[in-house]
Amino acid sequence: MTSTADGAAAFLNALRSPHATSGSRPGPASPAWLWPVATALHDALPAGSRDGWALRLYALLQERYGKDTVGGPSVGGPGPAVVHDWHRHTVLPLVAGTAPGAEAVPISPLVLLHTEAAAGRPAAAEVWRSALYPVLLHLHAAAYDRTGVHAEGHAVARDYALSRGRTPAEADAYGHEYAELSSTANARAFAEAHALALGDALALAYATGDGGAYADTLPGSQVRAVVRACEQAGPHAPGAGGPAARLSEGFLTALAGTRPLGSS
């Protein structure tokens, strides 16, 4: 087995068991933010295609950056432009597609900010924060598991009503009313909390171009939120292979199309 094959196999094993891997990770060098993104994308893909995608990612990183350890120095590795390019061309169009036409999400200001930042002209944090908040609010409201929370709330409230002598029909109606009220309030609180917290953290990371600060925003969780929002949007969600496939392919495209960090 060649050293490249050894590295690819180790890279796959680390992606499959990310929590069992400590210290430096096998594969080409990358900044701290890339590993959680890669792990989340790998996990979101269908079992039959995820390892093939991961090997393409490994080969691309090896070809463009040529380092030996994921998690090593970021000099010469993927820079912030990759994140901005991926968001403007892939992530944001997917988020926009989760809303019916009458409930359009204000994506355009954020696309413009990512375009400028990818060209090395990041806006101030307060400008980012203003554009991020409504998009994040929509995203996390769309990603909230209303169906699961509603079912759980209905079951609890129905059992309570039955224990108080209500008829099955009365208990069922009470359960649905309680579940609707509670899930709506919880979804709103969930979305607002995430939009506020993430908006502040992402605004600072984008304004400063700090990859470590971006890693601290839990970008893997953001990947999962986009996938869930698309899956729950039903007929409004974009097609073409599903959200995980589009996110993953778009990420490879962004990596291939942006200049390595530190290049002239």
C-alpha atoms as a PDB file:
ATOM      1  CA  MET A   1       0.000   0.000   0.000  1.00  0.00           C
ATOM      2  CA  THR A   2       1.375   3.405  -0.932  1.00  0.00           C
ATOM      3  CA  SER A   3       1.723   6.224   1.536  1.00  0.00           C
ATOM      4  CA  THR A   4      -1.120   8.042  -0.237  1.00  0.00           C
ATOM      5  CA  ALA A   5      -3.351   4.987   0.124  1.00  0.00           C
ATOM      6  CA  ASP A   6      -2.335   4.716   3.784  1.00  0.00           C
ATOM      7  CA  GLY A   7      -3.239   8.350   4.330  1.00  0.00           C
ATOM      8  CA  ALA A   8      -6.592   7.996   2.534  1.00  0.00           C
ATOM      9  CA  ALA A   9      -7.512   4.935   4.613  1.00  0.00           C
ATOM     10  CA  ALA A  10      -6.589   6.698   7.839  1.00  0.00           C
ATOM     11  CA  PHE A  11      -8.560   9.770   6.741  1.00  0.00           C
ATOM     12  CA  LEU A  12     -11.652   7.620   6.170  1.00  0.00           C
ATOM     13  CA  ASN A  13     -11.289   5.882   9.524  1.00  0.00           C
ATOM     14  CA  ALA A  14     -10.995   9.221  11.302  1.00  0.00           C
ATOM     15  CA  LEU A  15     -14.114  10.558   9.552  1.00  0.00           C
ATOM     16  CA  ARG A  16     -16.065   7.435  10.515  1.00  0.00           C
ATOM     17  CA  SER A  17     -15.073   7.692  14.187  1.00  0.00           C
ATOM     18  CA  PRO A  18     -14.298  11.375  14.813  1.00  0.00           C
ATOM     19  CA  HIS A  19     -14.830  11.209  18.576  1.00  0.00           C
ATOM     20  CA  ALA A  20     -12.360   8.347  18.914  1.00  0.00           C
ATOM     21  CA  THR A  21      -9.598  10.361  17.261  1.00  0.00           C
ATOM     22  CA  SER A  22      -7.393  12.615  19.346  1.00  0.00           C
ATOM     23  CA  GLY A  23      -4.444  14.805  18.577  1.00  0.00           C
ATOM     24  CA  SER A  24      -3.470  15.272  14.942  1.00  0.00           C
ATOM     25  CA  ARG A  25      -5.692  13.595  12.362  1.00  0.00           C
ATOM     26  CA  PRO A  26      -4.444  11.759   9.254  1.00  0.00           C
ATOM     27  CA  GLY A  27      -4.689  13.476   5.913  1.00  0.00           C
ATOM     28  CA  PRO A  28      -3.724  16.773   4.314  1.00  0.00           C
ATOM     29  CA  ALA A  29      -3.372  19.858   6.482  1.00  0.00           C
ATOM     30  CA  SER A  30      -6.435  21.955   7.209  1.00  0.00           C
ATOM     31  CA  PRO A  31      -7.533  24.712   9.588  1.00  0.00           C
ATOM     32  CA  ALA A  32      -9.593  23.746  12.628  1.00  0.00           C
ATOM     33  CA  TRP A  33     -12.940  24.578  10.983  1.00  0.00           C
ATOM     34  CA  LEU A  34     -12.582  22.110   8.112  1.00  0.00           C
ATOM     35  CA  TRP A  35     -12.697  18.898  10.132  1.00  0.00           C
ATOM     36  CA  PRO A  36     -16.136  19.409  11.779  1.00  0.00           C
ATOM     37  CA  VAL A  37     -17.571  20.506   8.421  1.00  0.00           C
ATOM     38  CA  ALA A  38     -16.134  17.455   6.661  1.00  0.00           C
ATOM     39  CA  THR A  39     -17.372  15.118   9.404  1.00  0.00           C
ATOM     40  CA  ALA A  40     -20.896  16.552   9.318  1.00  0.00           C
ATOM     41  CA  LEU A  41     -21.083  16.343   5.524  1.00  0.00           C
ATOM     42  CA  HIS A  42     -19.759  12.775   5.549  1.00  0.00           C
ATOM     43  CA  ASP A  43     -22.346  11.739   8.150  1.00  0.00           C
ATOM     44  CA  ALA A  44     -25.211  13.414   6.284  1.00  0.00           C
ATOM     45  CA  LEU A  45     -24.559  11.623   2.986  1.00  0.00           C
ATOM     46  CA  PRO A  46     -26.153   8.249   2.185  1.00  0.00           C
ATOM     47  CA  ALA A  47     -24.054   5.310   3.359  1.00  0.00           C
ATOM     48  CA  GLY A  48     -23.330   4.229  -0.193  1.00  0.00           C
ATOM     49  CA  SER A  49     -21.797   7.531  -1.278  1.00  0.00           C
ATOM     50  CA  ARG A  50     -20.185   9.074   1.788  1.00  0.00           C
ATOM     51  CA  ASP A  51     -16.814   7.298   1.606  1.00  0.00           C
ATOM     52  CA  GLY A  52     -16.451   8.028  -2.113  1.00  0.00           C
ATOM     53  CA  TRP A  53     -17.033  11.703  -1.386  1.00  0.00           C
ATOM     54  CA  ALA A  54     -14.523  11.605   1.483  1.00  0.00           C
ATOM     55  CA  LEU A  55     -11.841  10.114  -0.764  1.00  0.00           C
ATOM     56  CA  ARG A  56     -12.434  12.882  -3.290  1.00  0.00           C
ATOM     57  CA  LEU A  57     -12.069  15.403  -0.469  1.00  0.00           C
ATOM     58  CA  TYR A  58      -8.834  13.765   0.658  1.00  0.00           C
ATOM     59  CA  ALA A  59      -7.418  13.763  -2.885  1.00  0.00           C
ATOM     60  CA  LEU A  60      -8.345  17.408  -3.389  1.00  0.00           C
ATOM     61  CA  LEU A  61      -6.735  18.468  -0.122  1.00  0.00           C
ATOM     62  CA  GLN A  62      -3.649  16.414  -0.922  1.00  0.00           C
ATOM     63  CA  GLU A  63      -3.378  17.899  -4.399  1.00  0.00           C
ATOM     64  CA  ARG A  64      -3.919  21.513  -3.404  1.00  0.00           C
ATOM     65  CA  TYR A  65      -2.311  21.681   0.019  1.00  0.00           C
ATOM     66  CA  GLY A  66      -0.048  18.645   0.166  1.00  0.00           C
ATOM     67  CA  LYS A  67       0.301  18.435   3.932  1.00  0.00           C
ATOM     68  CA  ASP A  68       0.403  15.332   6.093  1.00  0.00           C
ATOM     69  CA  THR A  69      -1.840  16.078   9.054  1.00  0.00           C
ATOM     70  CA  VAL A  70      -5.412  17.326   9.280  1.00  0.00           C
ATOM     71  CA  GLY A  71      -5.454  19.828  12.093  1.00  0.00           C
ATOM     72  CA  GLY A  72      -1.915  20.996  11.329  1.00  0.00           C
ATOM     73  CA  PRO A  73      -0.824  24.550  10.538  1.00  0.00           C
ATOM     74  CA  SER A  74      -3.274  26.502   8.378  1.00  0.00           C
ATOM     75  CA  VAL A  75      -0.537  28.237   6.355  1.00  0.00           C
ATOM     76  CA  GLY A  76      -1.028  27.014   2.798  1.00  0.00           C
ATOM     77  CA  GLY A  77      -4.356  25.401   3.722  1.00  0.00           C
ATOM     78  CA  PRO A  78      -7.937  26.400   2.908  1.00  0.00           C
ATOM     79  CA  GLY A  79      -8.604  29.984   3.933  1.00  0.00           C
ATOM     80  CA  PRO A  80     -11.784  31.915   4.803  1.00  0.00           C
ATOM     81  CA  ALA A  81     -12.549  32.447   1.105  1.00  0.00           C
ATOM     82  CA  VAL A  82     -13.579  28.778   0.885  1.00  0.00           C
ATOM     83  CA  VAL A  83     -16.236  29.276   3.556  1.00  0.00           C
ATOM     84  CA  HIS A  84     -17.572  32.433   1.901  1.00  0.00           C
ATOM     85  CA  ASP A  85     -17.618  30.853  -1.556  1.00  0.00           C
ATOM     86  CA  TRP A  86     -19.422  27.749  -0.255  1.00  0.00           C
ATOM     87  CA  HIS A  87     -22.048  29.815   1.549  1.00  0.00           C
ATOM     88  CA  ARG A  88     -22.827  32.185  -1.277  1.00  0.00           C
ATOM     89  CA  HIS A  89     -23.052  29.504  -3.989  1.00  0.00           C
ATOM     90  CA  THR A  90     -24.436  26.503  -2.092  1.00  0.00           C
ATOM     91  CA  VAL A  91     -25.548  27.014   1.506  1.00  0.00           C
ATOM     92  CA  LEU A  92     -27.604  30.184   1.080  1.00  0.00           C
ATOM     93  CA  PRO A  93     -29.491  29.027  -2.046  1.00  0.00           C
ATOM     94  CA  LEU A  94     -30.461  25.888  -0.139  1.00  0.00           C
ATOM     95  CA  VAL A  95     -31.688  27.931   2.824  1.00  0.00           C
ATOM     96  CA  ALA A  96     -33.653  30.214   0.489  1.00  0.00           C
ATOM     97  CA  GLY A  97     -35.308  27.154  -1.048  1.00  0.00           C
ATOM     98  CA  THR A  98     -36.774  26.070   2.287  1.00  0.00           C
ATOM     99  CA  ALA A  99     -39.266  28.962   2.318  1.00  0.00           C
ATOM    100  CA  PRO A 100     -42.486  29.194   0.266  1.00  0.00           C
ATOM    101  CA  GLY A 101     -42.488  32.066  -2.194  1.00  0.00           C
ATOM    102  CA  ALA A 102     -44.658  34.246   0.025  1.00  0.00           C
ATOM    103  CA  GLU A 103     -42.183  33.889   2.875  1.00  0.00           C
ATOM    104  CA  ALA A 104     -38.966  34.770   1.092  1.00  0.00           C
ATOM    105  CA  VAL A 105     -35.839  34.913   3.234  1.00  0.00           C
ATOM    106  CA  PRO A 106     -33.669  38.067   2.801  1.00  0.00           C
ATOM    107  CA  ILE A 107     -30.697  36.191   1.347  1.00  0.00           C
ATOM    108  CA  SER A 108     -29.337  38.846  -1.050  1.00  0.00           C
ATOM    109  CA  PRO A 109     -27.594  41.087   1.537  1.00  0.00           C
ATOM    110  CA  LEU A 110     -25.781  38.070   2.979  1.00  0.00           C
ATOM    111  CA  VAL A 111     -24.772  36.803  -0.473  1.00  0.00           C
ATOM    112  CA  LEU A 112     -23.251  40.211  -1.226  1.00  0.00           C
ATOM    113  CA  LEU A 113     -21.306  40.215   2.054  1.00  0.00           C
ATOM    114  CA  HIS A 114     -19.917  36.725   1.371  1.00  0.00           C
ATOM    115  CA  THR A 115     -18.966  37.780  -2.173  1.00  0.00           C
ATOM    116  CA  GLU A 116     -17.044  40.787  -0.893  1.00  0.00           C
ATOM    117  CA  ALA A 117     -15.405  38.787   1.896  1.00  0.00           C
ATOM    118  CA  ALA A 118     -14.306  36.064  -0.541  1.00  0.00           C
ATOM    119  CA  ALA A 119     -12.537  38.807  -2.480  1.00  0.00           C
ATOM    120  CA  GLY A 120     -10.737  39.934   0.677  1.00  0.00           C
ATOM    121  CA  ARG A 121     -13.092  42.782   1.596  1.00  0.00           C
ATOM    122  CA  PRO A 122     -14.963  41.641   4.734  1.00  0.00           C
ATOM    123  CA  ALA A 123     -17.535  43.981   6.239  1.00  0.00           C
ATOM    124  CA  ALA A 124     -17.610  45.105   9.859  1.00  0.00           C
ATOM    125  CA  ALA A 125     -19.124  42.777  12.449  1.00  0.00           C
ATOM    126  CA  GLU A 126     -22.253  44.870  12.943  1.00  0.00           C
ATOM    127  CA  VAL A 127     -22.995  44.739   9.207  1.00  0.00           C
ATOM    128  CA  TRP A 128     -22.638  40.964   9.202  1.00  0.00           C
ATOM    129  CA  ARG A 129     -24.803  40.686  12.314  1.00  0.00           C
ATOM    130  CA  SER A 130     -27.643  42.645  10.734  1.00  0.00           C
ATOM    131  CA  ALA A 131     -27.657  40.475   7.601  1.00  0.00           C
ATOM    132  CA  LEU A 132     -27.183  37.180   9.431  1.00  0.00           C
ATOM    133  CA  TYR A 133     -29.988  37.486  11.982  1.00  0.00           C
ATOM    134  CA  PRO A 134     -33.080  37.102   9.739  1.00  0.00           C
ATOM    135  CA  VAL A 135     -31.497  34.265   7.765  1.00  0.00           C
ATOM    136  CA  LEU A 136     -30.447  32.384  10.897  1.00  0.00           C
ATOM    137  CA  LEU A 137     -33.875  32.987  12.428  1.00  0.00           C
ATOM    138  CA  HIS A 138     -35.544  31.367   9.427  1.00  0.00           C
ATOM    139  CA  LEU A 139     -33.019  28.540   9.218  1.00  0.00           C
ATOM    140  CA  HIS A 140     -33.390  27.400  12.814  1.00  0.00           C
ATOM    141  CA  ALA A 141     -37.162  27.790  12.780  1.00  0.00           C
ATOM    142  CA  ALA A 142     -37.215  25.583   9.669  1.00  0.00           C
ATOM    143  CA  ALA A 143     -34.825  23.068  11.248  1.00  0.00           C
ATOM    144  CA  TYR A 144     -36.833  22.711  14.452  1.00  0.00           C
ATOM    145  CA  ASP A 145     -38.379  19.246  14.817  1.00  0.00           C
ATOM    146  CA  ARG A 146     -42.002  20.380  15.059  1.00  0.00           C
ATOM    147  CA  THR A 147     -43.387  16.957  14.179  1.00  0.00           C
ATOM    148  CA  GLY A 148     -41.455  15.125  16.888  1.00  0.00           C
ATOM    149  CA  VAL A 149     -42.049  17.792  19.529  1.00  0.00           C
ATOM    150  CA  HIS A 150     -45.752  17.973  18.672  1.00  0.00           C
ATOM    151  CA  ALA A 151     -46.139  14.187  18.969  1.00  0.00           C
ATOM    152  CA  GLU A 152     -44.365  14.120  22.313  1.00  0.00           C
ATOM    153  CA  GLY A 153     -46.370  17.048  23.688  1.00  0.00           C
ATOM    154  CA  HIS A 154     -49.634  15.519  22.474  1.00  0.00           C
ATOM    155  CA  ALA A 155     -48.909  12.190  24.149  1.00  0.00           C
ATOM    156  CA  VAL A 156     -48.033  13.793  27.491  1.00  0.00           C
ATOM    157  CA  ALA A 157     -51.026  16.153  27.492  1.00  0.00           C
ATOM    158  CA  ARG A 158     -53.436  13.428  26.366  1.00  0.00           C
ATOM    159  CA  ASP A 159     -52.306  11.112  29.162  1.00  0.00           C
ATOM    160  CA  TYR A 160     -52.704  13.926  31.678  1.00  0.00           C
ATOM    161  CA  ALA A 161     -56.258  14.656  30.477  1.00  0.00           C
ATOM    162  CA  LEU A 162     -57.185  10.982  30.631  1.00  0.00           C
ATOM    163  CA  SER A 163     -55.880  10.793  34.192  1.00  0.00           C
ATOM    164  CA  ARG A 164     -58.227  13.651  35.083  1.00  0.00           C
ATOM    165  CA  GLY A 165     -61.299  11.796  33.823  1.00  0.00           C
ATOM    166  CA  ARG A 166     -61.617  13.274  30.331  1.00  0.00           C
ATOM    167  CA  THR A 167     -63.042  11.075  27.580  1.00  0.00           C
ATOM    168  CA  PRO A 168     -60.586   9.769  24.947  1.00  0.00           C
ATOM    169  CA  ALA A 169     -61.948  12.246  22.397  1.00  0.00           C
ATOM    170  CA  GLU A 170     -61.657  15.159  24.821  1.00  0.00           C
ATOM    171  CA  ALA A 171     -58.175  14.075  25.857  1.00  0.00           C
ATOM    172  CA  ASP A 172     -57.064  13.795  22.253  1.00  0.00           C
ATOM    173  CA  ALA A 173     -58.337  17.287  21.419  1.00  0.00           C
ATOM    174  CA  TYR A 174     -56.685  18.703  24.531  1.00  0.00           C
ATOM    175  CA  GLY A 175     -53.437  16.997  23.625  1.00  0.00           C
ATOM    176  CA  HIS A 176     -53.389  18.501  20.126  1.00  0.00           C
ATOM    177  CA  GLU A 177     -54.205  21.992  21.395  1.00  0.00           C
ATOM    178  CA  TYR A 178     -51.478  21.843  24.029  1.00  0.00           C
ATOM    179  CA  ALA A 179     -48.942  20.408  21.568  1.00  0.00           C
ATOM    180  CA  GLU A 180     -49.637  23.108  18.994  1.00  0.00           C
ATOM    181  CA  LEU A 181     -49.276  25.935  21.497  1.00  0.00           C
ATOM    182  CA  SER A 182     -46.145  24.539  23.126  1.00  0.00           C
ATOM    183  CA  SER A 183     -44.363  23.519  19.917  1.00  0.00           C
ATOM    184  CA  THR A 184     -45.007  26.926  18.333  1.00  0.00           C
ATOM    185  CA  ALA A 185     -43.637  28.766  21.362  1.00  0.00           C
ATOM    186  CA  ASN A 186     -40.667  26.432  21.669  1.00  0.00           C
ATOM    187  CA  ALA A 187     -39.824  26.731  17.973  1.00  0.00           C
ATOM    188  CA  ARG A 188     -39.816  30.524  18.229  1.00  0.00           C
ATOM    189  CA  ALA A 189     -37.607  30.505  21.330  1.00  0.00           C
ATOM    190  CA  PHE A 190     -35.264  27.931  19.755  1.00  0.00           C
ATOM    191  CA  ALA A 191     -34.856  29.960  16.563  1.00  0.00           C
ATOM    192  CA  GLU A 192     -34.372  33.285  18.356  1.00  0.00           C
ATOM    193  CA  ALA A 193     -31.758  31.890  20.733  1.00  0.00           C
ATOM    194  CA  HIS A 194     -29.747  30.336  17.905  1.00  0.00           C
ATOM    195  CA  ALA A 195     -30.039  33.407  15.676  1.00  0.00           C
ATOM    196  CA  LEU A 196     -28.794  35.715  18.435  1.00  0.00           C
ATOM    197  CA  ALA A 197     -25.943  33.529  19.635  1.00  0.00           C
ATOM    198  CA  LEU A 198     -24.754  32.397  16.225  1.00  0.00           C
ATOM    199  CA  GLY A 199     -25.253  35.826  14.682  1.00  0.00           C
ATOM    200  CA  ASP A 200     -22.833  37.407  17.137  1.00  0.00           C
ATOM    201  CA  ALA A 201     -20.260  34.604  16.839  1.00  0.00           C
ATOM    202  CA  LEU A 202     -20.391  34.352  13.042  1.00  0.00           C
ATOM    203  CA  ALA A 203     -20.320  38.123  12.594  1.00  0.00           C
ATOM    204  CA  LEU A 204     -17.076  38.337  14.551  1.00  0.00           C
ATOM    205  CA  ALA A 205     -15.512  35.384  12.734  1.00  0.00           C
ATOM    206  CA  TYR A 206     -16.463  36.704   9.283  1.00  0.00           C
ATOM    207  CA  ALA A 207     -15.408  40.283  10.034  1.00  0.00           C
ATOM    208  CA  THR A 208     -11.973  39.249  11.266  1.00  0.00           C
ATOM    209  CA  GLY A 209     -11.395  36.309   8.893  1.00  0.00           C
ATOM    210  CA  ASP A 210     -10.489  34.232  11.938  1.00  0.00           C
ATOM    211  CA  GLY A 211     -10.713  30.520  11.120  1.00  0.00           C
ATOM    212  CA  GLY A 212     -10.441  29.564  14.774  1.00  0.00           C
ATOM    213  CA  ALA A 213     -13.364  31.818  15.637  1.00  0.00           C
ATOM    214  CA  TYR A 214     -15.369  30.212  12.823  1.00  0.00           C
ATOM    215  CA  ALA A 215     -14.520  26.763  14.192  1.00  0.00           C
ATOM    216  CA  ASP A 216     -15.918  27.896  17.557  1.00  0.00           C
ATOM    217  CA  THR A 217     -19.339  28.541  15.933  1.00  0.00           C
ATOM    218  CA  LEU A 218     -19.836  24.753  15.601  1.00  0.00           C
ATOM    219  CA  PRO A 219     -19.994  24.715  11.795  1.00  0.00           C
ATOM    220  CA  GLY A 220     -20.819  20.995  11.769  1.00  0.00           C
ATOM    221  CA  SER A 221     -24.033  21.725  13.653  1.00  0.00           C
ATOM    222  CA  GLN A 222     -24.867  24.406  11.107  1.00  0.00           C
ATOM    223  CA  VAL A 223     -24.493  21.828   8.324  1.00  0.00           C
ATOM    224  CA  ARG A 224     -26.944  19.547  10.107  1.00  0.00           C
ATOM    225  CA  ALA A 225     -29.402  22.419  10.592  1.00  0.00           C
ATOM    226  CA  VAL A 226     -29.417  23.161   6.853  1.00  0.00           C
ATOM    227  CA  VAL A 227     -29.974  19.500   6.015  1.00  0.00           C
ATOM    228  CA  ARG A 228     -32.851  19.212   8.513  1.00  0.00           C
ATOM    229  CA  ALA A 229     -34.460  22.434   7.317  1.00  0.00           C
ATOM    230  CA  CYS A 230     -34.376  21.234   3.710  1.00  0.00           C
ATOM    231  CA  GLU A 231     -35.709  17.794   4.588  1.00  0.00           C
ATOM    232  CA  GLN A 232     -38.594  19.271   6.582  1.00  0.00           C
ATOM    233  CA  ALA A 233     -39.497  21.827   3.920  1.00  0.00           C
ATOM    234  CA  GLY A 234     -41.174  19.157   1.800  1.00  0.00           C
ATOM    235  CA  PRO A 235     -42.078  20.315  -1.718  1.00  0.00           C
ATOM    236  CA  HIS A 236     -40.362  23.687  -1.189  1.00  0.00           C
ATOM    237  CA  ALA A 237     -36.943  22.089  -0.677  1.00  0.00           C
ATOM    238  CA  PRO A 238     -34.457  22.058  -3.588  1.00  0.00           C
ATOM    239  CA  GLY A 239     -33.959  18.715  -5.296  1.00  0.00           C
ATOM    240  CA  ALA A 240     -30.959  17.591  -7.367  1.00  0.00           C
ATOM    241  CA  GLY A 241     -29.720  14.790  -5.166  1.00  0.00           C
ATOM    242  CA  GLY A 242     -30.875  16.066  -1.803  1.00  0.00           C
ATOM    243  CA  PRO A 243     -29.466  18.762   0.486  1.00  0.00           C
ATOM    244  CA  ALA A 244     -26.563  16.693   1.837  1.00  0.00           C
ATOM    245  CA  ALA A 245     -25.350  15.888  -1.678  1.00  0.00           C
ATOM    246  CA  ARG A 246     -25.616  19.507  -2.770  1.00  0.00           C
ATOM    247  CA  LEU A 247     -23.803  20.764   0.318  1.00  0.00           C
ATOM    248  CA  SER A 248     -21.046  18.185  -0.106  1.00  0.00           C
ATOM    249  CA  GLU A 249     -20.520  18.777  -3.825  1.00  0.00           C
ATOM    250  CA  GLY A 250     -20.636  22.527  -3.307  1.00  0.00           C
ATOM    251  CA  PHE A 251     -17.988  22.240  -0.620  1.00  0.00           C
ATOM    252  CA  LEU A 252     -15.635  20.387  -2.974  1.00  0.00           C
ATOM    253  CA  THR A 253     -16.274  22.999  -5.654  1.00  0.00           C
ATOM    254  CA  ALA A 254     -15.446  25.804  -3.228  1.00  0.00           C
ATOM    255  CA  LEU A 255     -12.237  24.066  -2.161  1.00  0.00           C
ATOM    256  CA  ALA A 256     -11.185  23.504  -5.758  1.00  0.00           C
ATOM    257  CA  GLY A 257     -11.980  27.028  -6.887  1.00  0.00           C
ATOM    258  CA  THR A 258     -10.417  29.181  -4.183  1.00  0.00           C
ATOM    259  CA  ARG A 259      -6.768  30.087  -3.790  1.00  0.00           C
ATOM    260  CA  PRO A 260      -4.850  28.340  -0.989  1.00  0.00           C
ATOM    261  CA  LEU A 261      -4.256  30.478   2.083  1.00  0.00           C
ATOM    262  CA  GLY A 262      -0.955  32.292   1.807  1.00  0.00           C
ATOM    263  CA  SER A 263      -0.661  31.978  -1.990  1.00  0.00           C
ATOM    264  CA  SER A 264      -0.061  35.031  -4.098  1.00  0.00           C
END
